[in-house]
């Protein structure tokens, strides 16, 4: 019996999009005439992922010449597990994936990698054909590479955050970092409509779920973070600065 995601892939088999209409920021370095021409020709197939577990399909040619998969919208979660320890990455609009490279590489310690769609996801398949089209404009290729570099920088930032001693400081930095991409300003603060459980938050900041629950209670008590009934998070006040951990300690002492 085919799983739900397979059925979605089959249903989207004949779906195509103009990549630069979906993600116009990729064409920011082009002149207007080139934008029109590139938009007309940069057409990619679309893969749609239903919420739930996702198993990436591997290209028959191993992905040679492909730029990867461009997330058009939705939210993916990637869990990497080594020796019963799991860390999590959130992936959304504008990110570029090449999941087949991870599986193909020979590693001494091979982690277990699982993917989950937290929301319906659309991916543009930047295969060899469209890579050739986009290659006519080096600015487009550079923009795609920049997306991959941005993702690696975000991962490095999250890793640095996870080394902070205080879990509340880790969570506060995490929430504001996520707000840069997924937040919107509301009357009560910055609203973050992401389905983040305490367990997922723990994996994102390198902490156990009970510690996350305690830290969230402390942040809520101090009026820095609140959670609405619909599950959305609200951030109040100003983002923490470079001295986030000392500031968190000082605020906790004042609140106590």
C-alpha atoms as a PDB file:
ATOM      1  CA  UNK A   1       0.000   0.000   0.000  1.00  0.00           C
ATOM      2  CA  UNK A   2       1.410   3.398  -1.014  1.00  0.00           C
ATOM      3  CA  UNK A   3       1.923   5.857   1.796  1.00  0.00           C
ATOM      4  CA  UNK A   4       0.332   9.304   1.817  1.00  0.00           C
ATOM      5  CA  UNK A   5       3.465  11.144   0.701  1.00  0.00           C
ATOM      6  CA  UNK A   6       3.884   8.855  -2.319  1.00  0.00           C
ATOM      7  CA  UNK A   7       0.356   9.672  -3.404  1.00  0.00           C
ATOM      8  CA  UNK A   8       1.066  13.381  -3.054  1.00  0.00           C
ATOM      9  CA  UNK A   9       4.208  13.039  -5.175  1.00  0.00           C
ATOM     10  CA  UNK A  10       2.217  11.250  -7.886  1.00  0.00           C
ATOM     11  CA  UNK A  11      -0.501  13.891  -7.805  1.00  0.00           C
ATOM     12  CA  UNK A  12       2.097  16.622  -8.245  1.00  0.00           C
ATOM     13  CA  UNK A  13       3.921  14.780 -11.015  1.00  0.00           C
ATOM     14  CA  UNK A  14       2.657  17.144 -13.715  1.00  0.00           C
ATOM     15  CA  UNK A  15       2.859  20.349 -11.652  1.00  0.00           C
ATOM     16  CA  UNK A  16       5.348  23.023 -12.635  1.00  0.00           C
ATOM     17  CA  UNK A  17       6.128  26.545 -11.416  1.00  0.00           C
ATOM     18  CA  UNK A  18       8.094  29.537 -12.588  1.00  0.00           C
ATOM     19  CA  UNK A  19      10.760  29.568  -9.909  1.00  0.00           C
ATOM     20  CA  UNK A  20      11.390  33.316  -9.961  1.00  0.00           C
ATOM     21  CA  UNK A  21       7.703  34.080  -9.608  1.00  0.00           C
ATOM     22  CA  UNK A  22       7.612  31.876  -6.520  1.00  0.00           C
ATOM     23  CA  UNK A  23      10.903  33.211  -5.112  1.00  0.00           C
ATOM     24  CA  UNK A  24      11.653  36.610  -6.688  1.00  0.00           C
ATOM     25  CA  UNK A  25      14.493  37.307  -4.224  1.00  0.00           C
ATOM     26  CA  UNK A  26      16.657  34.883  -6.201  1.00  0.00           C
ATOM     27  CA  UNK A  27      16.633  37.379  -9.086  1.00  0.00           C
ATOM     28  CA  UNK A  28      17.652  40.397  -6.977  1.00  0.00           C
ATOM     29  CA  UNK A  29      21.004  40.649  -8.796  1.00  0.00           C
ATOM     30  CA  UNK A  30      19.545  40.690 -12.313  1.00  0.00           C
ATOM     31  CA  UNK A  31      18.604  43.679 -14.477  1.00  0.00           C
ATOM     32  CA  UNK A  32      14.906  43.979 -15.436  1.00  0.00           C
ATOM     33  CA  UNK A  33      15.359  42.519 -18.916  1.00  0.00           C
ATOM     34  CA  UNK A  34      17.213  39.485 -17.581  1.00  0.00           C
ATOM     35  CA  UNK A  35      14.568  39.012 -14.873  1.00  0.00           C
ATOM     36  CA  UNK A  36      11.841  38.766 -17.508  1.00  0.00           C
ATOM     37  CA  UNK A  37      13.833  36.330 -19.624  1.00  0.00           C
ATOM     38  CA  UNK A  38      14.952  34.177 -16.703  1.00  0.00           C
ATOM     39  CA  UNK A  39      11.434  34.076 -15.251  1.00  0.00           C
ATOM     40  CA  UNK A  40      10.062  32.841 -18.563  1.00  0.00           C
ATOM     41  CA  UNK A  41      12.545  29.967 -18.842  1.00  0.00           C
ATOM     42  CA  UNK A  42      13.283  28.943 -15.235  1.00  0.00           C
ATOM     43  CA  UNK A  43      10.448  26.448 -14.890  1.00  0.00           C
ATOM     44  CA  UNK A  44      10.730  23.584 -12.382  1.00  0.00           C
ATOM     45  CA  UNK A  45       8.701  20.534 -11.431  1.00  0.00           C
ATOM     46  CA  UNK A  46       7.059  20.643  -8.024  1.00  0.00           C
ATOM     47  CA  UNK A  47       6.992  18.000  -5.316  1.00  0.00           C
ATOM     48  CA  UNK A  48       4.283  18.321  -2.672  1.00  0.00           C
ATOM     49  CA  UNK A  49       4.723  16.761   0.755  1.00  0.00           C
ATOM     50  CA  UNK A  50       1.804  16.055   3.057  1.00  0.00           C
ATOM     51  CA  UNK A  51       2.227  16.605   6.812  1.00  0.00           C
ATOM     52  CA  UNK A  52       3.919  13.607   8.397  1.00  0.00           C
ATOM     53  CA  UNK A  53       7.059  11.518   7.776  1.00  0.00           C
ATOM     54  CA  UNK A  54       8.871  12.159   4.497  1.00  0.00           C
ATOM     55  CA  UNK A  55      11.357   9.933   2.710  1.00  0.00           C
ATOM     56  CA  UNK A  56      13.235  11.947   0.055  1.00  0.00           C
ATOM     57  CA  UNK A  57      13.344  10.346  -3.376  1.00  0.00           C
ATOM     58  CA  UNK A  58      16.849   9.801  -4.733  1.00  0.00           C
ATOM     59  CA  UNK A  59      17.556  10.944  -8.317  1.00  0.00           C
ATOM     60  CA  UNK A  60      18.327   8.121 -10.735  1.00  0.00           C
ATOM     61  CA  UNK A  61      21.513   9.918 -11.826  1.00  0.00           C
ATOM     62  CA  UNK A  62      22.589  10.568  -8.235  1.00  0.00           C
ATOM     63  CA  UNK A  63      21.785  14.254  -8.540  1.00  0.00           C
ATOM     64  CA  UNK A  64      24.690  15.017 -10.901  1.00  0.00           C
ATOM     65  CA  UNK A  65      24.238  18.530 -12.256  1.00  0.00           C
ATOM     66  CA  UNK A  66      21.288  19.224  -9.957  1.00  0.00           C
ATOM     67  CA  UNK A  67      21.151  22.282  -7.727  1.00  0.00           C
ATOM     68  CA  UNK A  68      18.849  20.517  -5.265  1.00  0.00           C
ATOM     69  CA  UNK A  69      15.365  21.094  -3.886  1.00  0.00           C
ATOM     70  CA  UNK A  70      14.160  24.637  -3.194  1.00  0.00           C
ATOM     71  CA  UNK A  71      11.536  24.988  -0.465  1.00  0.00           C
ATOM     72  CA  UNK A  72       8.732  27.194  -1.812  1.00  0.00           C
ATOM     73  CA  UNK A  73       6.570  27.106   1.308  1.00  0.00           C
ATOM     74  CA  UNK A  74       5.754  24.968   4.347  1.00  0.00           C
ATOM     75  CA  UNK A  75       7.899  23.686   7.198  1.00  0.00           C
ATOM     76  CA  UNK A  76      10.157  20.625   7.416  1.00  0.00           C
ATOM     77  CA  UNK A  77      11.911  19.173  10.432  1.00  0.00           C
ATOM     78  CA  UNK A  78      15.121  17.176  10.099  1.00  0.00           C
ATOM     79  CA  UNK A  79      16.176  15.014  13.042  1.00  0.00           C
ATOM     80  CA  UNK A  80      19.746  13.720  13.235  1.00  0.00           C
ATOM     81  CA  UNK A  81      20.359  11.002  15.839  1.00  0.00           C
ATOM     82  CA  UNK A  82      23.744   9.755  17.062  1.00  0.00           C
ATOM     83  CA  UNK A  83      24.061   7.363  20.022  1.00  0.00           C
ATOM     84  CA  UNK A  84      20.495   8.064  21.203  1.00  0.00           C
ATOM     85  CA  UNK A  85      21.054  11.846  21.141  1.00  0.00           C
ATOM     86  CA  UNK A  86      18.941  13.797  18.653  1.00  0.00           C
ATOM     87  CA  UNK A  87      19.276  17.330  17.325  1.00  0.00           C
ATOM     88  CA  UNK A  88      16.685  19.039  15.155  1.00  0.00           C
ATOM     89  CA  UNK A  89      16.774  21.537  12.314  1.00  0.00           C
ATOM     90  CA  UNK A  90      13.800  23.512  11.011  1.00  0.00           C
ATOM     91  CA  UNK A  91      13.724  24.084   7.256  1.00  0.00           C
ATOM     92  CA  UNK A  92      11.370  26.452   5.480  1.00  0.00           C
ATOM     93  CA  UNK A  93      10.777  28.759   2.559  1.00  0.00           C
ATOM     94  CA  UNK A  94      13.926  29.654   0.636  1.00  0.00           C
ATOM     95  CA  UNK A  95      16.086  26.818   1.952  1.00  0.00           C
ATOM     96  CA  UNK A  96      17.935  24.531  -0.471  1.00  0.00           C
ATOM     97  CA  UNK A  97      18.200  20.794   0.219  1.00  0.00           C
ATOM     98  CA  UNK A  98      20.276  17.982  -1.242  1.00  0.00           C
ATOM     99  CA  UNK A  99      19.298  15.051   1.005  1.00  0.00           C
ATOM    100  CA  UNK A 100      20.818  12.451  -1.309  1.00  0.00           C
ATOM    101  CA  UNK A 101      24.335  13.829  -0.678  1.00  0.00           C
ATOM    102  CA  UNK A 102      24.018  13.043   3.031  1.00  0.00           C
ATOM    103  CA  UNK A 103      23.086   9.428   2.380  1.00  0.00           C
ATOM    104  CA  UNK A 104      25.722   8.921  -0.302  1.00  0.00           C
ATOM    105  CA  UNK A 105      28.689  10.217   1.666  1.00  0.00           C
ATOM    106  CA  UNK A 106      30.772   7.560   3.414  1.00  0.00           C
ATOM    107  CA  UNK A 107      30.966   8.439   7.086  1.00  0.00           C
ATOM    108  CA  UNK A 108      32.798   6.703   9.904  1.00  0.00           C
ATOM    109  CA  UNK A 109      29.877   7.449  12.228  1.00  0.00           C
ATOM    110  CA  UNK A 110      26.654   7.394  10.245  1.00  0.00           C
ATOM    111  CA  UNK A 111      23.791   9.202  11.965  1.00  0.00           C
ATOM    112  CA  UNK A 112      20.159   8.258  11.520  1.00  0.00           C
ATOM    113  CA  UNK A 113      18.331  11.001   9.634  1.00  0.00           C
ATOM    114  CA  UNK A 114      14.557  11.381   9.591  1.00  0.00           C
ATOM    115  CA  UNK A 115      12.416  14.025   7.929  1.00  0.00           C
ATOM    116  CA  UNK A 116       8.974  15.224   9.002  1.00  0.00           C
ATOM    117  CA  UNK A 117       6.702  17.754   7.320  1.00  0.00           C
ATOM    118  CA  UNK A 118       5.138  19.870  10.072  1.00  0.00           C
ATOM    119  CA  UNK A 119       3.017  21.674   7.475  1.00  0.00           C
ATOM    120  CA  UNK A 120       2.219  20.961   3.812  1.00  0.00           C
ATOM    121  CA  UNK A 121       5.431  21.601   1.871  1.00  0.00           C
ATOM    122  CA  UNK A 122       6.086  22.473  -1.762  1.00  0.00           C
ATOM    123  CA  UNK A 123       9.526  21.864  -3.253  1.00  0.00           C
ATOM    124  CA  UNK A 124      10.822  23.094  -6.603  1.00  0.00           C
ATOM    125  CA  UNK A 125      13.041  20.418  -8.159  1.00  0.00           C
ATOM    126  CA  UNK A 126      16.117  22.242  -9.470  1.00  0.00           C
ATOM    127  CA  UNK A 127      17.302  19.347 -11.630  1.00  0.00           C
ATOM    128  CA  UNK A 128      19.993  19.255 -14.299  1.00  0.00           C
ATOM    129  CA  UNK A 129      17.744  20.869 -16.930  1.00  0.00           C
ATOM    130  CA  UNK A 130      16.820  23.916 -14.866  1.00  0.00           C
ATOM    131  CA  UNK A 131      20.377  24.151 -13.538  1.00  0.00           C
ATOM    132  CA  UNK A 132      21.458  24.580 -17.164  1.00  0.00           C
ATOM    133  CA  UNK A 133      18.865  27.300 -17.687  1.00  0.00           C
ATOM    134  CA  UNK A 134      19.793  29.165 -14.518  1.00  0.00           C
ATOM    135  CA  UNK A 135      23.477  28.797 -15.384  1.00  0.00           C
ATOM    136  CA  UNK A 136      22.970  31.377 -18.141  1.00  0.00           C
ATOM    137  CA  UNK A 137      22.771  33.938 -15.333  1.00  0.00           C
ATOM    138  CA  UNK A 138      25.605  33.477 -12.804  1.00  0.00           C
ATOM    139  CA  UNK A 139      23.714  35.739 -10.390  1.00  0.00           C
ATOM    140  CA  UNK A 140      20.990  33.084 -10.053  1.00  0.00           C
ATOM    141  CA  UNK A 141      23.475  30.303  -9.334  1.00  0.00           C
ATOM    142  CA  UNK A 142      25.204  32.549  -6.807  1.00  0.00           C
ATOM    143  CA  UNK A 143      21.867  33.233  -5.120  1.00  0.00           C
ATOM    144  CA  UNK A 144      21.116  29.505  -4.781  1.00  0.00           C
ATOM    145  CA  UNK A 145      24.587  28.867  -3.331  1.00  0.00           C
ATOM    146  CA  UNK A 146      24.048  31.755  -0.897  1.00  0.00           C
ATOM    147  CA  UNK A 147      20.898  30.033   0.370  1.00  0.00           C
ATOM    148  CA  UNK A 148      22.900  26.903   1.167  1.00  0.00           C
ATOM    149  CA  UNK A 149      25.571  28.986   2.920  1.00  0.00           C
ATOM    150  CA  UNK A 150      22.870  30.792   4.927  1.00  0.00           C
ATOM    151  CA  UNK A 151      21.545  27.465   6.129  1.00  0.00           C
ATOM    152  CA  UNK A 152      25.009  26.342   7.251  1.00  0.00           C
ATOM    153  CA  UNK A 153      25.472  29.650   9.089  1.00  0.00           C
ATOM    154  CA  UNK A 154      22.134  29.206  10.874  1.00  0.00           C
ATOM    155  CA  UNK A 155      23.184  25.697  11.920  1.00  0.00           C
ATOM    156  CA  UNK A 156      26.471  27.033  13.287  1.00  0.00           C
ATOM    157  CA  UNK A 157      24.611  29.756  15.184  1.00  0.00           C
ATOM    158  CA  UNK A 158      22.258  27.190  16.706  1.00  0.00           C
ATOM    159  CA  UNK A 159      25.224  25.054  17.700  1.00  0.00           C
ATOM    160  CA  UNK A 160      26.849  28.011  19.438  1.00  0.00           C
ATOM    161  CA  UNK A 161      23.573  28.812  21.198  1.00  0.00           C
ATOM    162  CA  UNK A 162      23.319  25.259  22.516  1.00  0.00           C
ATOM    163  CA  UNK A 163      26.626  25.764  24.385  1.00  0.00           C
ATOM    164  CA  UNK A 164      25.186  28.490  26.624  1.00  0.00           C
ATOM    165  CA  UNK A 165      24.840  27.349  30.217  1.00  0.00           C
ATOM    166  CA  UNK A 166      21.333  28.650  30.895  1.00  0.00           C
ATOM    167  CA  UNK A 167      18.502  26.925  29.049  1.00  0.00           C
ATOM    168  CA  UNK A 168      16.313  30.032  29.260  1.00  0.00           C
ATOM    169  CA  UNK A 169      19.018  32.046  27.470  1.00  0.00           C
ATOM    170  CA  UNK A 170      19.238  29.368  24.770  1.00  0.00           C
ATOM    171  CA  UNK A 171      15.480  29.412  24.257  1.00  0.00           C
ATOM    172  CA  UNK A 172      15.259  33.196  24.161  1.00  0.00           C
ATOM    173  CA  UNK A 173      17.962  33.375  21.470  1.00  0.00           C
ATOM    174  CA  UNK A 174      16.335  30.520  19.556  1.00  0.00           C
ATOM    175  CA  UNK A 175      12.904  32.163  19.521  1.00  0.00           C
ATOM    176  CA  UNK A 176      14.249  35.481  18.293  1.00  0.00           C
ATOM    177  CA  UNK A 177      16.318  33.734  15.629  1.00  0.00           C
ATOM    178  CA  UNK A 178      13.237  31.895  14.400  1.00  0.00           C
ATOM    179  CA  UNK A 179      11.305  35.168  14.478  1.00  0.00           C
ATOM    180  CA  UNK A 180      13.726  36.652  11.939  1.00  0.00           C
ATOM    181  CA  UNK A 181      12.345  34.202   9.376  1.00  0.00           C
ATOM    182  CA  UNK A 182       8.894  33.224  10.577  1.00  0.00           C
ATOM    183  CA  UNK A 183       7.763  35.955  12.957  1.00  0.00           C
ATOM    184  CA  UNK A 184       5.280  38.762  12.370  1.00  0.00           C
ATOM    185  CA  UNK A 185       4.655  41.838  14.459  1.00  0.00           C
ATOM    186  CA  UNK A 186       1.325  41.816  16.300  1.00  0.00           C
ATOM    187  CA  UNK A 187      -0.325  44.112  18.845  1.00  0.00           C
ATOM    188  CA  UNK A 188       1.035  42.079  21.778  1.00  0.00           C
ATOM    189  CA  UNK A 189       4.530  41.407  20.431  1.00  0.00           C
ATOM    190  CA  UNK A 190       6.208  39.298  17.760  1.00  0.00           C
ATOM    191  CA  UNK A 191       4.031  36.300  16.881  1.00  0.00           C
ATOM    192  CA  UNK A 192       5.672  33.011  15.943  1.00  0.00           C
ATOM    193  CA  UNK A 193       3.154  30.562  14.487  1.00  0.00           C
ATOM    194  CA  UNK A 194       5.241  27.403  14.524  1.00  0.00           C
ATOM    195  CA  UNK A 195       4.141  24.014  15.927  1.00  0.00           C
ATOM    196  CA  UNK A 196       6.991  23.724  18.440  1.00  0.00           C
ATOM    197  CA  UNK A 197       6.486  21.272  21.291  1.00  0.00           C
ATOM    198  CA  UNK A 198       8.690  21.283  24.377  1.00  0.00           C
ATOM    199  CA  UNK A 199      10.412  18.159  23.040  1.00  0.00           C
ATOM    200  CA  UNK A 200      11.220  19.790  19.684  1.00  0.00           C
ATOM    201  CA  UNK A 201      12.468  22.925  21.442  1.00  0.00           C
ATOM    202  CA  UNK A 202      14.728  20.743  23.551  1.00  0.00           C
ATOM    203  CA  UNK A 203      16.244  19.175  20.452  1.00  0.00           C
ATOM    204  CA  UNK A 204      16.766  22.599  18.910  1.00  0.00           C
ATOM    205  CA  UNK A 205      18.694  23.951  21.928  1.00  0.00           C
ATOM    206  CA  UNK A 206      20.315  20.755  23.216  1.00  0.00           C
ATOM    207  CA  UNK A 207      18.308  20.361  26.422  1.00  0.00           C
ATOM    208  CA  UNK A 208      16.024  17.791  28.010  1.00  0.00           C
ATOM    209  CA  UNK A 209      12.280  18.375  27.850  1.00  0.00           C
ATOM    210  CA  UNK A 210      11.838  18.912  31.636  1.00  0.00           C
ATOM    211  CA  UNK A 211      14.531  21.604  31.562  1.00  0.00           C
ATOM    212  CA  UNK A 212      12.792  23.277  28.626  1.00  0.00           C
ATOM    213  CA  UNK A 213       9.457  23.265  30.459  1.00  0.00           C
ATOM    214  CA  UNK A 214      11.059  24.883  33.525  1.00  0.00           C
ATOM    215  CA  UNK A 215      12.880  27.495  31.430  1.00  0.00           C
ATOM    216  CA  UNK A 216       9.726  28.372  29.471  1.00  0.00           C
ATOM    217  CA  UNK A 217       7.818  28.836  32.709  1.00  0.00           C
ATOM    218  CA  UNK A 218      10.538  31.197  33.901  1.00  0.00           C
ATOM    219  CA  UNK A 219      10.506  33.181  30.631  1.00  0.00           C
ATOM    220  CA  UNK A 220       6.724  33.400  30.811  1.00  0.00           C
ATOM    221  CA  UNK A 221       6.820  34.549  34.434  1.00  0.00           C
ATOM    222  CA  UNK A 222       9.245  37.303  33.446  1.00  0.00           C
ATOM    223  CA  UNK A 223       6.902  38.419  30.652  1.00  0.00           C
ATOM    224  CA  UNK A 224       9.336  37.616  27.820  1.00  0.00           C
ATOM    225  CA  UNK A 225       7.451  34.759  26.147  1.00  0.00           C
ATOM    226  CA  UNK A 226       3.811  33.729  26.120  1.00  0.00           C
ATOM    227  CA  UNK A 227       1.857  31.022  24.349  1.00  0.00           C
ATOM    228  CA  UNK A 228      -1.585  31.542  22.884  1.00  0.00           C
ATOM    229  CA  UNK A 229      -4.380  28.988  23.027  1.00  0.00           C
ATOM    230  CA  UNK A 230      -3.863  28.186  19.330  1.00  0.00           C
ATOM    231  CA  UNK A 231      -0.250  27.167  20.046  1.00  0.00           C
ATOM    232  CA  UNK A 232       1.456  30.282  18.641  1.00  0.00           C
ATOM    233  CA  UNK A 233       4.288  31.878  20.626  1.00  0.00           C
ATOM    234  CA  UNK A 234       4.479  35.595  21.422  1.00  0.00           C
ATOM    235  CA  UNK A 235       7.828  37.306  22.057  1.00  0.00           C
ATOM    236  CA  UNK A 236       7.797  40.487  24.104  1.00  0.00           C
ATOM    237  CA  UNK A 237      10.423  43.103  24.738  1.00  0.00           C
ATOM    238  CA  UNK A 238      13.647  43.561  22.787  1.00  0.00           C
ATOM    239  CA  UNK A 239      15.818  40.792  21.321  1.00  0.00           C
ATOM    240  CA  UNK A 240      18.716  39.750  23.559  1.00  0.00           C
ATOM    241  CA  UNK A 241      22.126  41.134  22.730  1.00  0.00           C
ATOM    242  CA  UNK A 242      25.537  39.476  22.669  1.00  0.00           C
ATOM    243  CA  UNK A 243      25.490  39.268  26.476  1.00  0.00           C
ATOM    244  CA  UNK A 244      22.302  37.204  26.415  1.00  0.00           C
ATOM    245  CA  UNK A 245      23.379  34.766  29.113  1.00  0.00           C
ATOM    246  CA  UNK A 246      24.622  37.312  31.686  1.00  0.00           C
ATOM    247  CA  UNK A 247      21.489  39.378  31.011  1.00  0.00           C
ATOM    248  CA  UNK A 248      19.310  36.312  31.553  1.00  0.00           C
ATOM    249  CA  UNK A 249      21.030  35.632  34.858  1.00  0.00           C
ATOM    250  CA  UNK A 250      20.566  39.218  35.987  1.00  0.00           C
ATOM    251  CA  UNK A 251      16.872  39.233  35.021  1.00  0.00           C
ATOM    252  CA  UNK A 252      16.313  35.950  36.835  1.00  0.00           C
ATOM    253  CA  UNK A 253      17.950  37.343  39.986  1.00  0.00           C
ATOM    254  CA  UNK A 254      15.815  40.478  39.827  1.00  0.00           C
ATOM    255  CA  UNK A 255      12.652  38.437  39.266  1.00  0.00           C
ATOM    256  CA  UNK A 256      13.554  36.144  42.161  1.00  0.00           C
END
